[in-house]
Amino acid sequence: MTFAFVNHGRWVANCPRWMDGCTEAHRVQPGDRFVCANCGAVGSVEFPVDLDLVEKLLAARPVPETRNWLPGETLDELLVENLEHGVI
């Protein structure tokens, strides 16, 4: 299994074998299985349960390069970042 994260407004996941040294990452969407183009690893992709809220908070950011989220980052943290940068 691998965990999805948001990078520049895109859902991405690292290869399930990233801890073994595979550096491959792919764009993903809910329901996808990860199939590594580099090492051939296959695994499920875990998305946050509050996916829609993460996307809404990030979509409010006008610059795509600032639309980033990592597993473990809370909605409150995203909201605070938005408010600190004048994004409502």
Protein backbone atom coordinates (compact mmCIF):
# COMPACT_ATOMS: atom_id res chain seq x y z
CA MET A 1 0.00 0.00 0.00
CA THR A 2 1.05 3.56 -0.63
CA PHE A 3 -0.44 6.85 0.54
CA ALA A 4 -1.68 9.57 -1.80
CA PHE A 5 -0.53 13.15 -1.31
CA VAL A 6 -1.09 16.41 -3.17
CA ASN A 7 1.78 18.04 -5.05
CA HIS A 8 1.08 21.26 -6.97
CA GLY A 9 -2.63 20.44 -7.02
CA ARG A 10 -2.20 16.86 -8.28
CA TRP A 11 -2.84 13.66 -6.34
CA VAL A 12 0.36 11.61 -6.42
CA ALA A 13 1.63 8.42 -4.78
CA ASN A 14 5.10 7.01 -4.41
CA CYS A 15 5.90 3.44 -5.39
CA PRO A 16 5.01 0.94 -2.64
CA ARG A 17 8.70 -0.01 -2.74
CA TRP A 18 9.98 3.54 -2.15
CA MET A 19 11.53 2.51 1.18
CA ASP A 20 13.47 -0.14 -0.75
CA GLY A 21 14.88 2.53 -3.05
CA CYS A 22 12.40 2.83 -5.91
CA THR A 23 11.93 6.53 -6.65
CA GLU A 24 8.96 6.22 -9.03
CA ALA A 25 5.81 8.26 -8.39
CA HIS A 26 2.58 8.50 -10.40
CA ARG A 27 -0.48 10.71 -10.55
CA VAL A 28 -3.40 8.86 -8.96
CA GLN A 29 -7.10 9.21 -8.29
CA PRO A 30 -9.42 7.44 -5.86
CA GLY A 31 -9.94 3.82 -6.83
CA ASP A 32 -6.58 3.50 -8.56
CA ARG A 33 -4.12 0.72 -7.91
CA PHE A 34 -0.49 1.73 -8.12
CA VAL A 35 1.44 -0.11 -10.82
CA CYS A 36 5.05 1.00 -10.84
CA ALA A 37 6.48 1.68 -14.28
CA ASN A 38 9.99 1.34 -12.85
CA CYS A 39 10.07 -1.80 -10.69
CA GLY A 40 6.68 -3.40 -11.39
CA ALA A 41 5.37 -3.20 -7.81
CA VAL A 42 1.59 -3.22 -7.47
CA GLY A 43 -0.34 -1.92 -4.50
CA SER A 44 -3.40 -0.11 -3.29
CA VAL A 45 -3.47 3.66 -2.85
CA GLU A 46 -4.82 5.06 0.41
CA PHE A 47 -6.59 8.45 0.25
CA PRO A 48 -7.68 10.58 3.22
CA VAL A 49 -11.24 10.11 4.43
CA ASP A 50 -11.75 13.90 4.19
CA LEU A 51 -10.52 14.04 0.59
CA ASP A 52 -13.23 16.50 -0.52
CA LEU A 53 -12.38 18.97 2.24
CA VAL A 54 -8.64 18.75 1.52
CA GLU A 55 -9.37 19.49 -2.14
CA LYS A 56 -11.67 22.43 -1.29
CA LEU A 57 -9.09 24.07 0.98
CA LEU A 58 -6.34 23.62 -1.59
CA ALA A 59 -8.50 24.76 -4.52
CA ALA A 60 -8.93 28.13 -2.79
CA ARG A 61 -5.22 28.79 -3.29
CA PRO A 62 -4.74 30.81 -6.49
CA VAL A 63 -1.25 29.47 -7.31
CA PRO A 64 -1.18 25.74 -8.18
CA GLU A 65 2.38 25.34 -6.87
CA THR A 66 1.07 26.13 -3.36
CA ARG A 67 -1.59 23.40 -3.44
CA ASN A 68 0.26 20.77 -1.41
CA TRP A 69 -0.84 18.31 1.26
CA LEU A 70 0.86 15.38 3.00
CA PRO A 71 -0.71 12.51 4.94
CA GLY A 72 -1.00 13.50 8.58
CA GLU A 73 -1.53 17.18 7.80
CA THR A 74 -4.83 18.26 9.32
CA LEU A 75 -7.63 20.33 7.85
CA ASP A 76 -7.00 22.90 10.57
CA GLU A 77 -3.37 23.20 9.47
CA LEU A 78 -4.44 23.77 5.86
CA LEU A 79 -6.97 26.37 6.97
CA VAL A 80 -4.37 28.20 9.06
CA GLU A 81 -1.96 28.23 6.09
CA ASN A 82 -4.71 29.64 3.90
CA LEU A 83 -5.57 32.36 6.42
CA GLU A 84 -1.88 33.25 6.91
CA HIS A 85 -1.63 33.91 3.17
CA GLY A 86 -4.94 35.78 2.86
CA VAL A 87 -6.79 32.91 1.22
CA ILE A 88 -10.36 32.55 2.42
